[in-house]
Amino acid sequence: MNKKELSQLYYLKKEIACKQEQLARLEAEAERTTAQLTGMPATSGEKDKVGKMAAEIADIKAVLDCKVQEYYSEMNRLIRYIDSIDDSLTRQIMTLRYVELLPWQQVADRIGGGNTEDSVKQTHSRFLRRN
């Protein structure tokens, strides 16, 4: 598995967050746009706007569901790959970096044992070069 494949979980998580924000904005707009019952005939433009927003919300929810499923599938694939690594330290580094999505300094802090940001990066880089 190369670095690009290892990083897919990070990018999927960002993509999901973006879709969730888009959905929240659209739902908030839809709440403000809902037709008010006045007893007067509805104008076609207002009805079309509500229907269009409802369809767009449904589409975003469907895409979001697919992305979440893809995220969990990718996470399981990544965990299986990391579990296949022989070296315990490398497994820990890979898990903290690519599954828990921690920055390098936090990876070093969590591993402890005098490890620094540079030392965990070096262990990681050596592993990727070998594989």
N, C-alpha and C. Protein backbone atom coordinates (compact mmCIF):
# COMPACT_ATOMS: atom_id res chain seq x y z
N MET A 1 0.86 -1.16 0.00
CA MET A 1 0.00 0.00 0.00
C MET A 1 0.91 1.23 0.00
N ASN A 2 0.65 2.16 -0.90
CA ASN A 2 1.49 3.36 -0.96
C ASN A 2 0.89 4.49 -0.13
N LYS A 3 1.63 5.60 -0.05
CA LYS A 3 1.22 6.71 0.81
C LYS A 3 -0.13 7.29 0.37
N LYS A 4 -0.36 7.36 -0.92
CA LYS A 4 -1.64 7.89 -1.43
C LYS A 4 -2.80 7.01 -0.97
N GLU A 5 -2.63 5.70 -1.05
CA GLU A 5 -3.68 4.79 -0.59
C GLU A 5 -3.89 4.90 0.92
N LEU A 6 -2.79 5.05 1.65
CA LEU A 6 -2.87 5.18 3.10
C LEU A 6 -3.62 6.45 3.50
N SER A 7 -3.51 7.48 2.69
CA SER A 7 -4.11 8.78 3.01
C SER A 7 -5.58 8.88 2.61
N GLN A 8 -6.12 7.89 1.96
CA GLN A 8 -7.51 7.96 1.48
C GLN A 8 -8.51 8.18 2.60
N LEU A 9 -8.27 7.60 3.75
CA LEU A 9 -9.19 7.76 4.88
C LEU A 9 -9.30 9.23 5.29
N TYR A 10 -8.16 9.90 5.30
CA TYR A 10 -8.12 11.33 5.65
C TYR A 10 -8.97 12.13 4.66
N TYR A 11 -8.78 11.88 3.38
CA TYR A 11 -9.50 12.65 2.38
C TYR A 11 -10.98 12.30 2.34
N LEU A 12 -11.31 11.05 2.58
CA LEU A 12 -12.73 10.67 2.67
C LEU A 12 -13.40 11.37 3.85
N LYS A 13 -12.70 11.44 4.97
CA LYS A 13 -13.26 12.11 6.15
C LYS A 13 -13.52 13.58 5.85
N LYS A 14 -12.59 14.24 5.17
CA LYS A 14 -12.78 15.64 4.79
C LYS A 14 -13.94 15.79 3.81
N GLU A 15 -14.05 14.87 2.88
CA GLU A 15 -15.14 14.91 1.90
C GLU A 15 -16.49 14.74 2.59
N ILE A 16 -16.56 13.84 3.55
CA ILE A 16 -17.80 13.62 4.30
C ILE A 16 -18.17 14.88 5.08
N ALA A 17 -17.19 15.49 5.73
CA ALA A 17 -17.45 16.72 6.48
C ALA A 17 -17.97 17.82 5.57
N CYS A 18 -17.41 17.92 4.38
CA CYS A 18 -17.85 18.93 3.40
C CYS A 18 -19.30 18.67 2.99
N LYS A 19 -19.64 17.42 2.72
CA LYS A 19 -21.02 17.07 2.33
C LYS A 19 -21.99 17.32 3.49
N GLN A 20 -21.55 17.05 4.73
CA GLN A 20 -22.40 17.30 5.89
C GLN A 20 -22.68 18.80 6.04
N GLU A 21 -21.68 19.62 5.82
CA GLU A 21 -21.86 21.07 5.88
C GLU A 21 -22.81 21.54 4.78
N GLN A 22 -22.62 21.01 3.59
CA GLN A 22 -23.48 21.36 2.46
C GLN A 22 -24.93 20.98 2.77
N LEU A 23 -25.13 19.80 3.35
CA LEU A 23 -26.47 19.34 3.70
C LEU A 23 -27.09 20.24 4.77
N ALA A 24 -26.32 20.59 5.78
CA ALA A 24 -26.83 21.45 6.86
C ALA A 24 -27.25 22.81 6.32
N ARG A 25 -26.43 23.39 5.42
CA ARG A 25 -26.79 24.69 4.82
C ARG A 25 -28.07 24.59 4.01
N LEU A 26 -28.17 23.53 3.24
CA LEU A 26 -29.34 23.34 2.39
C LEU A 26 -30.60 23.10 3.23
N GLU A 27 -30.47 22.31 4.29
CA GLU A 27 -31.63 22.07 5.17
C GLU A 27 -32.07 23.35 5.87
N ALA A 28 -31.11 24.16 6.29
CA ALA A 28 -31.45 25.44 6.92
C ALA A 28 -32.16 26.36 5.93
N GLU A 29 -31.67 26.38 4.71
CA GLU A 29 -32.31 27.19 3.67
C GLU A 29 -33.71 26.67 3.37
N ALA A 30 -33.87 25.37 3.37
CA ALA A 30 -35.18 24.77 3.08
C ALA A 30 -36.19 25.14 4.17
N GLU A 31 -35.73 25.19 5.41
CA GLU A 31 -36.62 25.58 6.50
C GLU A 31 -37.11 27.01 6.33
N ARG A 32 -36.25 27.89 5.84
CA ARG A 32 -36.64 29.28 5.63
C ARG A 32 -37.54 29.45 4.40
N THR A 33 -37.47 28.47 3.50
CA THR A 33 -38.18 28.58 2.23
C THR A 33 -39.55 27.91 2.24
N THR A 34 -39.86 27.15 3.26
CA THR A 34 -41.11 26.39 3.26
C THR A 34 -42.31 27.29 2.98
N ALA A 35 -43.21 26.75 2.25
CA ALA A 35 -44.40 27.51 1.86
C ALA A 35 -45.26 27.79 3.08
N GLN A 36 -45.81 28.98 3.12
CA GLN A 36 -46.71 29.36 4.20
C GLN A 36 -48.14 29.20 3.71
N LEU A 37 -48.98 28.60 4.55
CA LEU A 37 -50.38 28.40 4.19
C LEU A 37 -51.16 29.68 4.48
N THR A 38 -51.62 30.32 3.42
CA THR A 38 -52.34 31.58 3.59
C THR A 38 -53.78 31.48 3.10
N GLY A 39 -54.13 30.39 2.48
CA GLY A 39 -55.45 30.27 1.88
C GLY A 39 -55.48 30.76 0.45
N MET A 40 -54.42 31.40 0.04
CA MET A 40 -54.32 31.91 -1.33
C MET A 40 -53.67 30.83 -2.21
N PRO A 41 -53.97 30.85 -3.47
CA PRO A 41 -53.32 29.87 -4.36
C PRO A 41 -51.80 30.05 -4.34
N ALA A 42 -51.10 28.92 -4.34
CA ALA A 42 -49.64 28.96 -4.34
C ALA A 42 -49.13 29.34 -5.71
N THR A 43 -48.02 30.07 -5.71
CA THR A 43 -47.39 30.38 -6.99
C THR A 43 -46.50 29.22 -7.38
N SER A 44 -46.42 28.98 -8.66
CA SER A 44 -45.66 27.82 -9.11
C SER A 44 -44.18 27.94 -8.78
N GLY A 45 -43.63 29.14 -8.75
CA GLY A 45 -42.21 29.32 -8.46
C GLY A 45 -41.85 28.87 -7.06
N GLU A 46 -42.68 29.16 -6.09
CA GLU A 46 -42.41 28.77 -4.70
C GLU A 46 -42.48 27.27 -4.54
N LYS A 47 -43.49 26.66 -5.14
CA LYS A 47 -43.65 25.21 -5.05
C LYS A 47 -42.47 24.50 -5.70
N ASP A 48 -42.04 25.00 -6.85
CA ASP A 48 -40.91 24.39 -7.55
C ASP A 48 -39.63 24.49 -6.72
N LYS A 49 -39.43 25.62 -6.04
CA LYS A 49 -38.22 25.82 -5.24
C LYS A 49 -38.18 24.83 -4.08
N VAL A 50 -39.29 24.63 -3.40
CA VAL A 50 -39.34 23.69 -2.27
C VAL A 50 -39.10 22.27 -2.78
N GLY A 51 -39.74 21.91 -3.86
CA GLY A 51 -39.55 20.57 -4.43
C GLY A 51 -38.13 20.33 -4.89
N LYS A 52 -37.55 21.36 -5.50
CA LYS A 52 -36.17 21.24 -5.98
C LYS A 52 -35.21 21.07 -4.80
N MET A 53 -35.44 21.84 -3.73
CA MET A 53 -34.57 21.72 -2.55
C MET A 53 -34.71 20.35 -1.90
N ALA A 54 -35.94 19.84 -1.84
CA ALA A 54 -36.16 18.52 -1.26
C ALA A 54 -35.41 17.45 -2.06
N ALA A 55 -35.45 17.57 -3.37
CA ALA A 55 -34.74 16.60 -4.22
C ALA A 55 -33.24 16.72 -4.04
N GLU A 56 -32.75 17.95 -3.92
CA GLU A 56 -31.32 18.16 -3.73
C GLU A 56 -30.86 17.61 -2.37
N ILE A 57 -31.67 17.82 -1.35
CA ILE A 57 -31.36 17.28 -0.02
C ILE A 57 -31.30 15.75 -0.07
N ALA A 58 -32.26 15.15 -0.73
CA ALA A 58 -32.28 13.68 -0.85
C ALA A 58 -31.04 13.18 -1.60
N ASP A 59 -30.64 13.90 -2.66
CA ASP A 59 -29.45 13.51 -3.42
C ASP A 59 -28.18 13.60 -2.56
N ILE A 60 -28.06 14.68 -1.80
CA ILE A 60 -26.87 14.85 -0.96
C ILE A 60 -26.83 13.78 0.12
N LYS A 61 -28.00 13.47 0.70
CA LYS A 61 -28.04 12.41 1.72
C LYS A 61 -27.62 11.07 1.13
N ALA A 62 -28.03 10.79 -0.09
CA ALA A 62 -27.65 9.53 -0.73
C ALA A 62 -26.14 9.48 -0.98
N VAL A 63 -25.58 10.59 -1.47
CA VAL A 63 -24.14 10.66 -1.69
C VAL A 63 -23.40 10.51 -0.37
N LEU A 64 -23.89 11.19 0.65
CA LEU A 64 -23.27 11.13 1.98
C LEU A 64 -23.28 9.70 2.52
N ASP A 65 -24.39 9.01 2.37
CA ASP A 65 -24.47 7.62 2.82
C ASP A 65 -23.44 6.75 2.11
N CYS A 66 -23.29 6.96 0.81
CA CYS A 66 -22.29 6.19 0.04
C CYS A 66 -20.88 6.50 0.52
N LYS A 67 -20.60 7.78 0.78
CA LYS A 67 -19.26 8.17 1.23
C LYS A 67 -18.96 7.59 2.62
N VAL A 68 -19.95 7.55 3.49
CA VAL A 68 -19.76 6.97 4.82
C VAL A 68 -19.47 5.47 4.69
N GLN A 69 -20.21 4.79 3.83
CA GLN A 69 -19.95 3.36 3.61
C GLN A 69 -18.55 3.16 3.04
N GLU A 70 -18.15 4.01 2.10
CA GLU A 70 -16.81 3.93 1.52
C GLU A 70 -15.75 4.17 2.59
N TYR A 71 -16.01 5.12 3.49
CA TYR A 71 -15.08 5.42 4.58
C TYR A 71 -14.85 4.19 5.45
N TYR A 72 -15.95 3.53 5.86
CA TYR A 72 -15.80 2.36 6.72
C TYR A 72 -15.16 1.19 5.99
N SER A 73 -15.45 1.05 4.73
CA SER A 73 -14.81 0.01 3.94
C SER A 73 -13.31 0.26 3.84
N GLU A 74 -12.96 1.51 3.57
CA GLU A 74 -11.54 1.87 3.47
C GLU A 74 -10.84 1.72 4.82
N MET A 75 -11.53 2.07 5.90
CA MET A 75 -10.94 1.91 7.23
C MET A 75 -10.67 0.44 7.52
N ASN A 76 -11.61 -0.42 7.21
CA ASN A 76 -11.40 -1.85 7.43
C ASN A 76 -10.24 -2.38 6.61
N ARG A 77 -10.13 -1.95 5.37
CA ARG A 77 -9.03 -2.37 4.51
C ARG A 77 -7.69 -1.89 5.09
N LEU A 78 -7.67 -0.65 5.55
CA LEU A 78 -6.46 -0.08 6.12
C LEU A 78 -6.06 -0.81 7.41
N ILE A 79 -7.03 -1.10 8.25
CA ILE A 79 -6.74 -1.81 9.50
C ILE A 79 -6.19 -3.21 9.22
N ARG A 80 -6.79 -3.90 8.24
CA ARG A 80 -6.27 -5.23 7.87
C ARG A 80 -4.82 -5.13 7.39
N TYR A 81 -4.54 -4.11 6.58
CA TYR A 81 -3.18 -3.92 6.09
C TYR A 81 -2.22 -3.66 7.25
N ILE A 82 -2.59 -2.72 8.12
CA ILE A 82 -1.72 -2.38 9.25
C ILE A 82 -1.52 -3.59 10.16
N ASP A 83 -2.56 -4.37 10.39
CA ASP A 83 -2.44 -5.57 11.23
C ASP A 83 -1.48 -6.60 10.63
N SER A 84 -1.25 -6.53 9.33
CA SER A 84 -0.35 -7.48 8.68
C SER A 84 1.12 -7.08 8.80
N ILE A 85 1.40 -5.89 9.32
CA ILE A 85 2.79 -5.42 9.47
C ILE A 85 3.43 -6.15 10.65
N ASP A 86 4.64 -6.65 10.45
CA ASP A 86 5.33 -7.44 11.46
C ASP A 86 5.76 -6.62 12.68
N ASP A 87 6.24 -5.43 12.47
CA ASP A 87 6.84 -4.64 13.54
C ASP A 87 5.78 -3.87 14.33
N SER A 88 5.79 -4.06 15.65
CA SER A 88 4.80 -3.44 16.54
C SER A 88 4.86 -1.91 16.51
N LEU A 89 6.06 -1.34 16.56
CA LEU A 89 6.21 0.11 16.55
C LEU A 89 5.64 0.69 15.26
N THR A 90 5.95 0.07 14.15
CA THR A 90 5.44 0.55 12.87
C THR A 90 3.92 0.44 12.82
N ARG A 91 3.37 -0.64 13.35
CA ARG A 91 1.90 -0.78 13.41
C ARG A 91 1.28 0.36 14.22
N GLN A 92 1.91 0.67 15.36
CA GLN A 92 1.39 1.76 16.18
C GLN A 92 1.44 3.09 15.44
N ILE A 93 2.56 3.35 14.81
CA ILE A 93 2.72 4.61 14.06
C ILE A 93 1.68 4.69 12.96
N MET A 94 1.53 3.63 12.20
CA MET A 94 0.58 3.62 11.08
C MET A 94 -0.86 3.79 11.57
N THR A 95 -1.19 3.14 12.68
CA THR A 95 -2.55 3.25 13.22
C THR A 95 -2.84 4.67 13.68
N LEU A 96 -1.91 5.23 14.43
CA LEU A 96 -2.12 6.59 14.95
C LEU A 96 -2.18 7.62 13.82
N ARG A 97 -1.34 7.43 12.82
CA ARG A 97 -1.27 8.40 11.73
C ARG A 97 -2.43 8.25 10.74
N TYR A 98 -2.72 7.03 10.32
CA TYR A 98 -3.67 6.83 9.22
C TYR A 98 -5.07 6.42 9.64
N VAL A 99 -5.23 5.83 10.81
CA VAL A 99 -6.57 5.45 11.28
C VAL A 99 -7.11 6.55 12.21
N GLU A 100 -6.29 6.95 13.18
CA GLU A 100 -6.73 7.99 14.11
C GLU A 100 -6.48 9.40 13.57
N LEU A 101 -5.74 9.48 12.46
CA LEU A 101 -5.49 10.74 11.73
C LEU A 101 -4.81 11.80 12.59
N LEU A 102 -3.86 11.37 13.42
CA LEU A 102 -3.15 12.31 14.28
C LEU A 102 -1.98 12.95 13.55
N PRO A 103 -1.65 14.20 13.89
CA PRO A 103 -0.43 14.81 13.35
C PRO A 103 0.80 14.11 13.93
N TRP A 104 1.95 14.28 13.27
CA TRP A 104 3.15 13.54 13.65
C TRP A 104 3.56 13.78 15.10
N GLN A 105 3.46 14.99 15.58
CA GLN A 105 3.85 15.26 16.97
C GLN A 105 2.99 14.48 17.95
N GLN A 106 1.70 14.39 17.68
CA GLN A 106 0.82 13.63 18.57
C GLN A 106 1.08 12.13 18.46
N VAL A 107 1.47 11.67 17.28
CA VAL A 107 1.85 10.26 17.13
C VAL A 107 3.03 9.97 18.05
N ALA A 108 4.05 10.83 18.00
CA ALA A 108 5.24 10.64 18.84
C ALA A 108 4.87 10.70 20.32
N ASP A 109 4.01 11.65 20.69
CA ASP A 109 3.60 11.79 22.10
C ASP A 109 2.86 10.55 22.58
N ARG A 110 1.98 10.02 21.75
CA ARG A 110 1.18 8.85 22.15
C ARG A 110 2.04 7.60 22.27
N ILE A 111 3.04 7.47 21.40
CA ILE A 111 3.92 6.30 21.47
C ILE A 111 4.84 6.41 22.67
N GLY A 112 5.30 7.62 22.95
CA GLY A 112 6.16 7.83 24.11
C GLY A 112 7.53 7.20 23.93
N GLY A 113 8.14 6.84 25.04
CA GLY A 113 9.44 6.16 24.98
C GLY A 113 10.55 6.99 24.39
N GLY A 114 10.47 8.30 24.51
CA GLY A 114 11.51 9.17 23.96
C GLY A 114 11.41 9.37 22.46
N ASN A 115 10.35 8.89 21.84
CA ASN A 115 10.17 9.10 20.40
C ASN A 115 9.84 10.56 20.13
N THR A 116 10.38 11.05 19.04
CA THR A 116 10.13 12.43 18.61
C THR A 116 9.35 12.40 17.31
N GLU A 117 8.90 13.57 16.91
CA GLU A 117 8.22 13.69 15.62
C GLU A 117 9.11 13.15 14.50
N ASP A 118 10.39 13.54 14.52
CA ASP A 118 11.31 13.09 13.47
C ASP A 118 11.55 11.59 13.51
N SER A 119 11.65 11.02 14.71
CA SER A 119 11.93 9.57 14.79
C SER A 119 10.76 8.74 14.28
N VAL A 120 9.53 9.15 14.59
CA VAL A 120 8.39 8.37 14.07
C VAL A 120 8.24 8.57 12.57
N LYS A 121 8.55 9.76 12.07
CA LYS A 121 8.52 9.99 10.62
C LYS A 121 9.56 9.11 9.91
N GLN A 122 10.74 8.99 10.53
CA GLN A 122 11.80 8.17 9.93
C GLN A 122 11.40 6.70 9.90
N THR A 123 10.84 6.21 10.99
CA THR A 123 10.38 4.81 11.03
C THR A 123 9.33 4.59 9.95
N HIS A 124 8.42 5.50 9.83
CA HIS A 124 7.36 5.45 8.82
C HIS A 124 7.96 5.46 7.41
N SER A 125 8.88 6.38 7.16
CA SER A 125 9.49 6.49 5.83
C SER A 125 10.29 5.24 5.46
N ARG A 126 11.05 4.70 6.42
CA ARG A 126 11.80 3.47 6.15
C ARG A 126 10.86 2.33 5.78
N PHE A 127 9.75 2.23 6.50
CA PHE A 127 8.78 1.17 6.21
C PHE A 127 8.22 1.34 4.79
N LEU A 128 7.82 2.56 4.43
CA LEU A 128 7.25 2.77 3.10
C LEU A 128 8.26 2.50 1.99
N ARG A 129 9.52 2.85 2.21
CA ARG A 129 10.55 2.59 1.20
C ARG A 129 10.75 1.09 0.99
N ARG A 130 10.66 0.31 2.07
CA ARG A 130 10.86 -1.14 1.99
C ARG A 130 9.67 -1.84 1.33
N ASN A 131 8.52 -1.26 1.41
CA ASN A 131 7.32 -1.96 0.93
C ASN A 131 6.72 -1.33 -0.28
